Full PDB file with SEQRES, HELIX, SHEET, SSBOND, CRYST1, ORIGX, SCALE, CONECT and MASTER records, all heavy atoms in Angstrom:
SEQRES   1 A   33  VAL SER GLY GLY LEU GLU VAL ALA SER ASP ARG LEU LEU          
SEQRES   2 A   33  GLN LEU MET LYS LYS GLY VAL SER VAL GLU GLN VAL ALA          
SEQRES   3 A   33  ARG VAL THR ARG GLY PHE THR                                  
HELIX    1 AA1 ASP A   10  LEU A   15  1                                   6    
HELIX    2 AA2 VAL A   22  PHE A   32  1                                  11    
CRYST1    1.000    1.000    1.000  90.00  90.00  90.00 P 1           1          
ORIGX1      1.000000  0.000000  0.000000        0.00000                         
ORIGX2      0.000000  1.000000  0.000000        0.00000                         
ORIGX3      0.000000  0.000000  1.000000        0.00000                         
SCALE1      1.000000  0.000000  0.000000        0.00000                         
SCALE2      0.000000  1.000000  0.000000        0.00000                         
SCALE3      0.000000  0.000000  1.000000        0.00000                         
ATOM      1  N   VAL A   1       6.781   3.167 -12.912  1.00  0.00           N  
ATOM      2  CA  VAL A   1       7.457   3.551 -11.673  1.00  0.00           C  
ATOM      3  C   VAL A   1       7.706   2.294 -10.853  1.00  0.00           C  
ATOM      4  O   VAL A   1       6.984   1.303 -10.959  1.00  0.00           O  
ATOM      5  CB  VAL A   1       6.636   4.554 -10.831  1.00  0.00           C  
ATOM      6  CG1 VAL A   1       6.522   5.899 -11.535  1.00  0.00           C  
ATOM      7  CG2 VAL A   1       5.265   3.997 -10.474  1.00  0.00           C  
ATOM      8  N   SER A   2       8.746   2.345 -10.041  1.00  0.00           N  
ATOM      9  CA  SER A   2       9.016   1.274  -9.084  1.00  0.00           C  
ATOM     10  C   SER A   2       9.173   1.906  -7.719  1.00  0.00           C  
ATOM     11  O   SER A   2       9.624   3.054  -7.592  1.00  0.00           O  
ATOM     12  CB  SER A   2      10.289   0.513  -9.465  1.00  0.00           C  
ATOM     13  OG  SER A   2      11.396   1.395  -9.591  1.00  0.00           O  
ATOM     14  N   GLY A   3       8.771   1.180  -6.695  1.00  0.00           N  
ATOM     15  CA  GLY A   3       8.859   1.727  -5.345  1.00  0.00           C  
ATOM     16  C   GLY A   3       8.790   0.626  -4.311  1.00  0.00           C  
ATOM     17  O   GLY A   3       8.386  -0.506  -4.600  1.00  0.00           O  
ATOM     18  N   GLY A   4       9.175   0.949  -3.090  1.00  0.00           N  
ATOM     19  CA  GLY A   4       9.250  -0.055  -2.040  1.00  0.00           C  
ATOM     20  C   GLY A   4       7.967  -0.176  -1.245  1.00  0.00           C  
ATOM     21  O   GLY A   4       7.555   0.766  -0.568  1.00  0.00           O  
ATOM     22  N   LEU A   5       7.329  -1.327  -1.349  1.00  0.00           N  
ATOM     23  CA  LEU A   5       6.266  -1.692  -0.409  1.00  0.00           C  
ATOM     24  C   LEU A   5       6.886  -2.472   0.749  1.00  0.00           C  
ATOM     25  O   LEU A   5       6.355  -2.504   1.854  1.00  0.00           O  
ATOM     26  CB  LEU A   5       5.201  -2.526  -1.129  1.00  0.00           C  
ATOM     27  CG  LEU A   5       4.102  -3.144  -0.273  1.00  0.00           C  
ATOM     28  CD1 LEU A   5       3.384  -2.084   0.555  1.00  0.00           C  
ATOM     29  CD2 LEU A   5       3.100  -3.906  -1.131  1.00  0.00           C  
ATOM     30  N   GLU A   6       8.051  -3.100   0.460  1.00  0.00           N  
ATOM     31  CA  GLU A   6       8.803  -3.889   1.445  1.00  0.00           C  
ATOM     32  C   GLU A   6       7.901  -4.982   2.024  1.00  0.00           C  
ATOM     33  O   GLU A   6       7.301  -5.731   1.287  1.00  0.00           O  
ATOM     34  CB  GLU A   6       9.392  -2.988   2.531  1.00  0.00           C  
ATOM     35  CG  GLU A   6      10.010  -1.675   2.034  1.00  0.00           C  
ATOM     36  CD  GLU A   6      10.988  -1.778   0.878  1.00  0.00           C  
ATOM     37  OE1 GLU A   6      11.459  -2.867   0.561  1.00  0.00           O  
ATOM     38  OE2 GLU A   6      11.269  -0.738   0.246  1.00  0.00           O  
ATOM     39  N   VAL A   7       7.764  -5.045   3.352  1.00  0.00           N  
ATOM     40  CA  VAL A   7       6.856  -6.017   3.964  1.00  0.00           C  
ATOM     41  C   VAL A   7       5.478  -5.369   4.056  1.00  0.00           C  
ATOM     42  O   VAL A   7       5.323  -4.329   4.701  1.00  0.00           O  
ATOM     43  CB  VAL A   7       7.332  -6.440   5.358  1.00  0.00           C  
ATOM     44  CG1 VAL A   7       6.332  -7.424   5.974  1.00  0.00           C  
ATOM     45  CG2 VAL A   7       8.712  -7.070   5.289  1.00  0.00           C  
ATOM     46  N   ALA A   8       4.512  -5.949   3.379  1.00  0.00           N  
ATOM     47  CA  ALA A   8       3.169  -5.365   3.360  1.00  0.00           C  
ATOM     48  C   ALA A   8       2.482  -5.622   4.700  1.00  0.00           C  
ATOM     49  O   ALA A   8       1.602  -6.457   4.844  1.00  0.00           O  
ATOM     50  CB  ALA A   8       2.355  -5.956   2.217  1.00  0.00           C  
ATOM     51  N   SER A   9       2.955  -4.882   5.707  1.00  0.00           N  
ATOM     52  CA  SER A   9       2.413  -4.991   7.066  1.00  0.00           C  
ATOM     53  C   SER A   9       2.560  -3.630   7.707  1.00  0.00           C  
ATOM     54  O   SER A   9       3.671  -3.093   7.782  1.00  0.00           O  
ATOM     55  CB  SER A   9       3.197  -6.046   7.868  1.00  0.00           C  
ATOM     56  OG  SER A   9       3.102  -5.809   9.256  1.00  0.00           O  
ATOM     57  N   ASP A  10       1.463  -3.057   8.158  1.00  0.00           N  
ATOM     58  CA  ASP A  10       1.542  -1.720   8.749  1.00  0.00           C  
ATOM     59  C   ASP A  10       2.447  -1.702   9.982  1.00  0.00           C  
ATOM     60  O   ASP A  10       3.161  -0.726  10.224  1.00  0.00           O  
ATOM     61  CB  ASP A  10       0.153  -1.204   9.089  1.00  0.00           C  
ATOM     62  CG  ASP A  10      -0.627  -0.785   7.839  1.00  0.00           C  
ATOM     63  OD1 ASP A  10       0.015  -0.512   6.810  1.00  0.00           O  
ATOM     64  OD2 ASP A  10      -1.867  -0.748   7.896  1.00  0.00           O  
ATOM     65  N   ARG A  11       2.430  -2.787  10.779  1.00  0.00           N  
ATOM     66  CA  ARG A  11       3.313  -2.843  11.957  1.00  0.00           C  
ATOM     67  C   ARG A  11       4.775  -2.769  11.540  1.00  0.00           C  
ATOM     68  O   ARG A  11       5.564  -1.981  12.082  1.00  0.00           O  
ATOM     69  CB  ARG A  11       3.071  -4.135  12.748  1.00  0.00           C  
ATOM     70  CG  ARG A  11       4.014  -4.276  13.963  1.00  0.00           C  
ATOM     71  CD  ARG A  11       3.843  -5.599  14.675  1.00  0.00           C  
ATOM     72  NE  ARG A  11       4.437  -6.725  13.957  1.00  0.00           N  
ATOM     73  CZ  ARG A  11       5.742  -7.041  14.034  1.00  0.00           C  
ATOM     74  NH1 ARG A  11       6.570  -6.317  14.755  1.00  0.00           N  
ATOM     75  NH2 ARG A  11       6.203  -8.093  13.378  1.00  0.00           N  
ATOM     76  N   LEU A  12       5.136  -3.585  10.552  1.00  0.00           N  
ATOM     77  CA  LEU A  12       6.531  -3.621  10.129  1.00  0.00           C  
ATOM     78  C   LEU A  12       6.924  -2.384   9.326  1.00  0.00           C  
ATOM     79  O   LEU A  12       8.058  -1.915   9.419  1.00  0.00           O  
ATOM     80  CB  LEU A  12       6.803  -4.902   9.335  1.00  0.00           C  
ATOM     81  CG  LEU A  12       6.753  -6.180  10.171  1.00  0.00           C  
ATOM     82  CD1 LEU A  12       6.806  -7.415   9.283  1.00  0.00           C  
ATOM     83  CD2 LEU A  12       7.890  -6.206  11.186  1.00  0.00           C  
ATOM     84  N   LEU A  13       5.996  -1.843   8.548  1.00  0.00           N  
ATOM     85  CA  LEU A  13       6.285  -0.595   7.831  1.00  0.00           C  
ATOM     86  C   LEU A  13       6.581   0.530   8.818  1.00  0.00           C  
ATOM     87  O   LEU A  13       7.456   1.377   8.574  1.00  0.00           O  
ATOM     88  CB  LEU A  13       5.117  -0.217   6.916  1.00  0.00           C  
ATOM     89  CG  LEU A  13       4.950  -1.055   5.651  1.00  0.00           C  
ATOM     90  CD1 LEU A  13       3.630  -0.730   4.960  1.00  0.00           C  
ATOM     91  CD2 LEU A  13       6.114  -0.836   4.685  1.00  0.00           C  
ATOM     92  N   GLN A  14       5.878   0.538   9.943  1.00  0.00           N  
ATOM     93  CA  GLN A  14       6.127   1.552  10.968  1.00  0.00           C  
ATOM     94  C   GLN A  14       7.481   1.316  11.630  1.00  0.00           C  
ATOM     95  O   GLN A  14       8.240   2.266  11.869  1.00  0.00           O  
ATOM     96  CB  GLN A  14       5.015   1.519  12.006  1.00  0.00           C  
ATOM     97  CG  GLN A  14       5.059   2.677  12.979  1.00  0.00           C  
ATOM     98  CD  GLN A  14       3.814   2.746  13.857  1.00  0.00           C  
ATOM     99  OE1 GLN A  14       2.932   1.898  13.774  1.00  0.00           O  
ATOM    100  NE2 GLN A  14       3.732   3.760  14.703  1.00  0.00           N  
ATOM    101  N   LEU A  15       7.805   0.039  11.903  1.00  0.00           N  
ATOM    102  CA  LEU A  15       9.106  -0.289  12.488  1.00  0.00           C  
ATOM    103  C   LEU A  15      10.239   0.091  11.540  1.00  0.00           C  
ATOM    104  O   LEU A  15      11.311   0.522  11.967  1.00  0.00           O  
ATOM    105  CB  LEU A  15       9.158  -1.788  12.811  1.00  0.00           C  
ATOM    106  CG  LEU A  15      10.416  -2.303  13.527  1.00  0.00           C  
ATOM    107  CD1 LEU A  15      10.591  -1.625  14.887  1.00  0.00           C  
ATOM    108  CD2 LEU A  15      10.357  -3.822  13.675  1.00  0.00           C  
ATOM    109  N   MET A  16       9.993  -0.048  10.241  1.00  0.00           N  
ATOM    110  CA  MET A  16      10.993   0.315   9.230  1.00  0.00           C  
ATOM    111  C   MET A  16      11.136   1.826   9.057  1.00  0.00           C  
ATOM    112  O   MET A  16      12.051   2.264   8.364  1.00  0.00           O  
ATOM    113  CB  MET A  16      10.576  -0.259   7.867  1.00  0.00           C  
ATOM    114  CG  MET A  16      10.676  -1.748   7.733  1.00  0.00           C  
ATOM    115  SD  MET A  16      10.060  -2.226   6.089  1.00  0.00           S  
ATOM    116  CE  MET A  16      10.364  -3.985   6.144  1.00  0.00           C  
ATOM    117  N   LYS A  17      10.193   2.590   9.624  1.00  0.00           N  
ATOM    118  CA  LYS A  17      10.133   4.040   9.401  1.00  0.00           C  
ATOM    119  C   LYS A  17       9.970   4.347   7.910  1.00  0.00           C  
ATOM    120  O   LYS A  17      10.574   5.279   7.362  1.00  0.00           O  
ATOM    121  CB  LYS A  17      11.376   4.732   9.962  1.00  0.00           C  
ATOM    122  CG  LYS A  17      11.529   4.572  11.478  1.00  0.00           C  
ATOM    123  CD  LYS A  17      12.744   5.321  11.975  1.00  0.00           C  
ATOM    124  CE  LYS A  17      12.820   5.291  13.509  1.00  0.00           C  
ATOM    125  NZ  LYS A  17      13.007   3.933  14.042  1.00  0.00           N  
ATOM    126  N   LYS A  18       9.153   3.544   7.252  1.00  0.00           N  
ATOM    127  CA  LYS A  18       8.946   3.677   5.822  1.00  0.00           C  
ATOM    128  C   LYS A  18       8.099   4.899   5.478  1.00  0.00           C  
ATOM    129  O   LYS A  18       8.192   5.453   4.377  1.00  0.00           O  
ATOM    130  CB  LYS A  18       8.272   2.398   5.278  1.00  0.00           C  
ATOM    131  CG  LYS A  18       8.164   2.321   3.778  1.00  0.00           C  
ATOM    132  CD  LYS A  18       9.520   2.152   3.120  1.00  0.00           C  
ATOM    133  CE  LYS A  18       9.411   2.209   1.611  1.00  0.00           C  
ATOM    134  NZ  LYS A  18      10.706   2.202   0.938  1.00  0.00           N  
ATOM    135  N   GLY A  19       7.233   5.309   6.400  1.00  0.00           N  
ATOM    136  CA  GLY A  19       6.437   6.500   6.169  1.00  0.00           C  
ATOM    137  C   GLY A  19       5.256   6.298   5.245  1.00  0.00           C  
ATOM    138  O   GLY A  19       4.699   7.270   4.729  1.00  0.00           O  
ATOM    139  N   VAL A  20       4.852   5.042   5.036  1.00  0.00           N  
ATOM    140  CA  VAL A  20       3.665   4.757   4.230  1.00  0.00           C  
ATOM    141  C   VAL A  20       2.880   3.641   4.918  1.00  0.00           C  
ATOM    142  O   VAL A  20       3.401   2.940   5.784  1.00  0.00           O  
ATOM    143  CB  VAL A  20       4.022   4.308   2.784  1.00  0.00           C  
ATOM    144  CG1 VAL A  20       4.788   5.396   2.053  1.00  0.00           C  
ATOM    145  CG2 VAL A  20       4.817   2.997   2.791  1.00  0.00           C  
ATOM    146  N   SER A  21       1.633   3.477   4.503  1.00  0.00           N  
ATOM    147  CA  SER A  21       0.811   2.357   4.964  1.00  0.00           C  
ATOM    148  C   SER A  21       0.396   1.539   3.746  1.00  0.00           C  
ATOM    149  O   SER A  21       0.487   2.009   2.610  1.00  0.00           O  
ATOM    150  CB  SER A  21      -0.439   2.868   5.687  1.00  0.00           C  
ATOM    151  OG  SER A  21      -1.288   3.563   4.770  1.00  0.00           O  
ATOM    152  N   VAL A  22      -0.083   0.328   3.982  1.00  0.00           N  
ATOM    153  CA  VAL A  22      -0.536  -0.519   2.881  1.00  0.00           C  
ATOM    154  C   VAL A  22      -1.672   0.150   2.126  1.00  0.00           C  
ATOM    155  O   VAL A  22      -1.717   0.156   0.889  1.00  0.00           O  
ATOM    156  CB  VAL A  22      -0.970  -1.905   3.399  1.00  0.00           C  
ATOM    157  CG1 VAL A  22      -1.536  -2.744   2.254  1.00  0.00           C  
ATOM    158  CG2 VAL A  22       0.207  -2.637   4.049  1.00  0.00           C  
ATOM    159  N   GLU A  23      -2.607   0.745   2.860  1.00  0.00           N  
ATOM    160  CA  GLU A  23      -3.751   1.394   2.231  1.00  0.00           C  
ATOM    161  C   GLU A  23      -3.295   2.562   1.343  1.00  0.00           C  
ATOM    162  O   GLU A  23      -3.793   2.740   0.232  1.00  0.00           O  
ATOM    163  CB  GLU A  23      -4.711   1.886   3.315  1.00  0.00           C  
ATOM    164  CG  GLU A  23      -6.034   2.396   2.777  1.00  0.00           C  
ATOM    165  CD  GLU A  23      -7.038   2.645   3.897  1.00  0.00           C  
ATOM    166  OE1 GLU A  23      -7.023   1.888   4.893  1.00  0.00           O  
ATOM    167  OE2 GLU A  23      -7.818   3.599   3.771  1.00  0.00           O  
ATOM    168  N   GLN A  24      -2.338   3.331   1.846  1.00  0.00           N  
ATOM    169  CA  GLN A  24      -1.818   4.451   1.056  1.00  0.00           C  
ATOM    170  C   GLN A  24      -1.123   3.970  -0.206  1.00  0.00           C  
ATOM    171  O   GLN A  24      -1.302   4.538  -1.287  1.00  0.00           O  
ATOM    172  CB  GLN A  24      -0.839   5.262   1.911  1.00  0.00           C  
ATOM    173  CG  GLN A  24      -0.200   6.437   1.173  1.00  0.00           C  
ATOM    174  CD  GLN A  24       0.766   7.186   2.072  1.00  0.00           C  
ATOM    175  OE1 GLN A  24       0.444   7.512   3.206  1.00  0.00           O  
ATOM    176  NE2 GLN A  24       1.964   7.455   1.564  1.00  0.00           N  
ATOM    177  N   VAL A  25      -0.338   2.900  -0.079  1.00  0.00           N  
ATOM    178  CA  VAL A  25       0.341   2.333  -1.248  1.00  0.00           C  
ATOM    179  C   VAL A  25      -0.685   1.905  -2.285  1.00  0.00           C  
ATOM    180  O   VAL A  25      -0.508   2.131  -3.494  1.00  0.00           O  
ATOM    181  CB  VAL A  25       1.239   1.145  -0.839  1.00  0.00           C  
ATOM    182  CG1 VAL A  25       1.722   0.377  -2.071  1.00  0.00           C  
ATOM    183  CG2 VAL A  25       2.428   1.628  -0.020  1.00  0.00           C  
ATOM    184  N   ALA A  26      -1.769   1.287  -1.833  1.00  0.00           N  
ATOM    185  CA  ALA A  26      -2.810   0.849  -2.767  1.00  0.00           C  
ATOM    186  C   ALA A  26      -3.373   2.034  -3.548  1.00  0.00           C  
ATOM    187  O   ALA A  26      -3.550   1.972  -4.767  1.00  0.00           O  
ATOM    188  CB  ALA A  26      -3.925   0.131  -2.007  1.00  0.00           C  
ATOM    189  N   ARG A  27      -3.660   3.122  -2.861  1.00  0.00           N  
ATOM    190  CA  ARG A  27      -4.261   4.272  -3.523  1.00  0.00           C  
ATOM    191  C   ARG A  27      -3.285   4.931  -4.499  1.00  0.00           C  
ATOM    192  O   ARG A  27      -3.670   5.326  -5.607  1.00  0.00           O  
ATOM    193  CB  ARG A  27      -4.732   5.282  -2.473  1.00  0.00           C  
ATOM    194  CG  ARG A  27      -5.944   4.784  -1.689  1.00  0.00           C  
ATOM    195  CD  ARG A  27      -6.320   5.739  -0.580  1.00  0.00           C  
ATOM    196  NE  ARG A  27      -7.560   5.295   0.083  1.00  0.00           N  
ATOM    197  CZ  ARG A  27      -7.999   5.782   1.223  1.00  0.00           C  
ATOM    198  NH1 ARG A  27      -7.315   6.731   1.845  1.00  0.00           N  
ATOM    199  NH2 ARG A  27      -9.129   5.336   1.749  1.00  0.00           N  
ATOM    200  N   VAL A  28      -2.035   5.059  -4.082  1.00  0.00           N  
ATOM    201  CA  VAL A  28      -1.046   5.701  -4.965  1.00  0.00           C  
ATOM    202  C   VAL A  28      -0.797   4.842  -6.200  1.00  0.00           C  
ATOM    203  O   VAL A  28      -0.783   5.348  -7.328  1.00  0.00           O  
ATOM    204  CB  VAL A  28       0.266   5.961  -4.199  1.00  0.00           C  
ATOM    205  CG1 VAL A  28       1.368   6.414  -5.163  1.00  0.00           C  
ATOM    206  CG2 VAL A  28       0.048   7.012  -3.117  1.00  0.00           C  
ATOM    207  N   THR A  29      -0.592   3.559  -5.984  1.00  0.00           N  
ATOM    208  CA  THR A  29      -0.297   2.696  -7.130  1.00  0.00           C  
ATOM    209  C   THR A  29      -1.478   2.623  -8.090  1.00  0.00           C  
ATOM    210  O   THR A  29      -1.288   2.603  -9.307  1.00  0.00           O  
ATOM    211  CB  THR A  29       0.096   1.277  -6.666  1.00  0.00           C  
ATOM    212  OG1 THR A  29      -0.920   0.759  -5.779  1.00  0.00           O  
ATOM    213  CG2 THR A  29       1.421   1.284  -5.930  1.00  0.00           C  
ATOM    214  N   ARG A  30      -2.682   2.612  -7.536  1.00  0.00           N  
ATOM    215  CA  ARG A  30      -3.846   2.594  -8.418  1.00  0.00           C  
ATOM    216  C   ARG A  30      -3.953   3.895  -9.215  1.00  0.00           C  
ATOM    217  O   ARG A  30      -4.371   3.900 -10.378  1.00  0.00           O  
ATOM    218  CB  ARG A  30      -5.113   2.357  -7.605  1.00  0.00           C  
ATOM    219  CG  ARG A  30      -6.380   2.226  -8.462  1.00  0.00           C  
ATOM    220  CD  ARG A  30      -6.247   1.095  -9.508  1.00  0.00           C  
ATOM    221  NE  ARG A  30      -7.423   1.018 -10.318  1.00  0.00           N  
ATOM    222  CZ  ARG A  30      -8.479   0.238 -10.032  1.00  0.00           C  
ATOM    223  NH1 ARG A  30      -8.462  -0.513  -8.948  1.00  0.00           N  
ATOM    224  NH2 ARG A  30      -9.521   0.215 -10.825  1.00  0.00           N  
ATOM    225  N   GLY A  31      -3.545   5.007  -8.609  1.00  0.00           N  
ATOM    226  CA  GLY A  31      -3.529   6.273  -9.328  1.00  0.00           C  
ATOM    227  C   GLY A  31      -2.609   6.228 -10.527  1.00  0.00           C  
ATOM    228  O   GLY A  31      -2.932   6.733 -11.616  1.00  0.00           O  
ATOM    229  N   PHE A  32      -1.443   5.594 -10.348  1.00  0.00           N  
ATOM    230  CA  PHE A  32      -0.520   5.447 -11.479  1.00  0.00           C  
ATOM    231  C   PHE A  32      -1.097   4.512 -12.537  1.00  0.00           C  
ATOM    232  O   PHE A  32      -1.059   4.807 -13.735  1.00  0.00           O  
ATOM    233  CB  PHE A  32       0.834   4.918 -10.990  1.00  0.00           C  
ATOM    234  CG  PHE A  32       1.751   5.990 -10.474  1.00  0.00           C  
ATOM    235  CD1 PHE A  32       2.024   6.115  -9.123  1.00  0.00           C  
ATOM    236  CD2 PHE A  32       2.353   6.879 -11.352  1.00  0.00           C  
ATOM    237  CE1 PHE A  32       2.869   7.101  -8.641  1.00  0.00           C  
ATOM    238  CE2 PHE A  32       3.204   7.876 -10.884  1.00  0.00           C  
ATOM    239  CZ  PHE A  32       3.457   7.987  -9.532  1.00  0.00           C  
ATOM    240  N   THR A  33      -1.651   3.377 -12.107  1.00  0.00           N  
ATOM    241  CA  THR A  33      -2.220   2.423 -13.052  1.00  0.00           C  
ATOM    242  C   THR A  33      -3.349   3.058 -13.863  1.00  0.00           C  
ATOM    243  O   THR A  33      -3.440   2.871 -15.083  1.00  0.00           O  
ATOM    244  CB  THR A  33      -2.738   1.180 -12.306  1.00  0.00           C  
ATOM    245  OG1 THR A  33      -1.640   0.521 -11.659  1.00  0.00           O  
ATOM    246  CG2 THR A  33      -3.383   0.200 -13.271  1.00  0.00           C  
TER     247      THR A  33                                                      
MASTER        0    0    0    2    0    0    0    6  246    1    0    3          
END                                                                             
């Protein structure tokens, strides 16, 4: 799978309206791995 982490910064992810956090990305990606 491929997906956008974009800028790994919770402040900037919120500004981007990405709807994810760095911690959440870590857990999801580890689930796939």
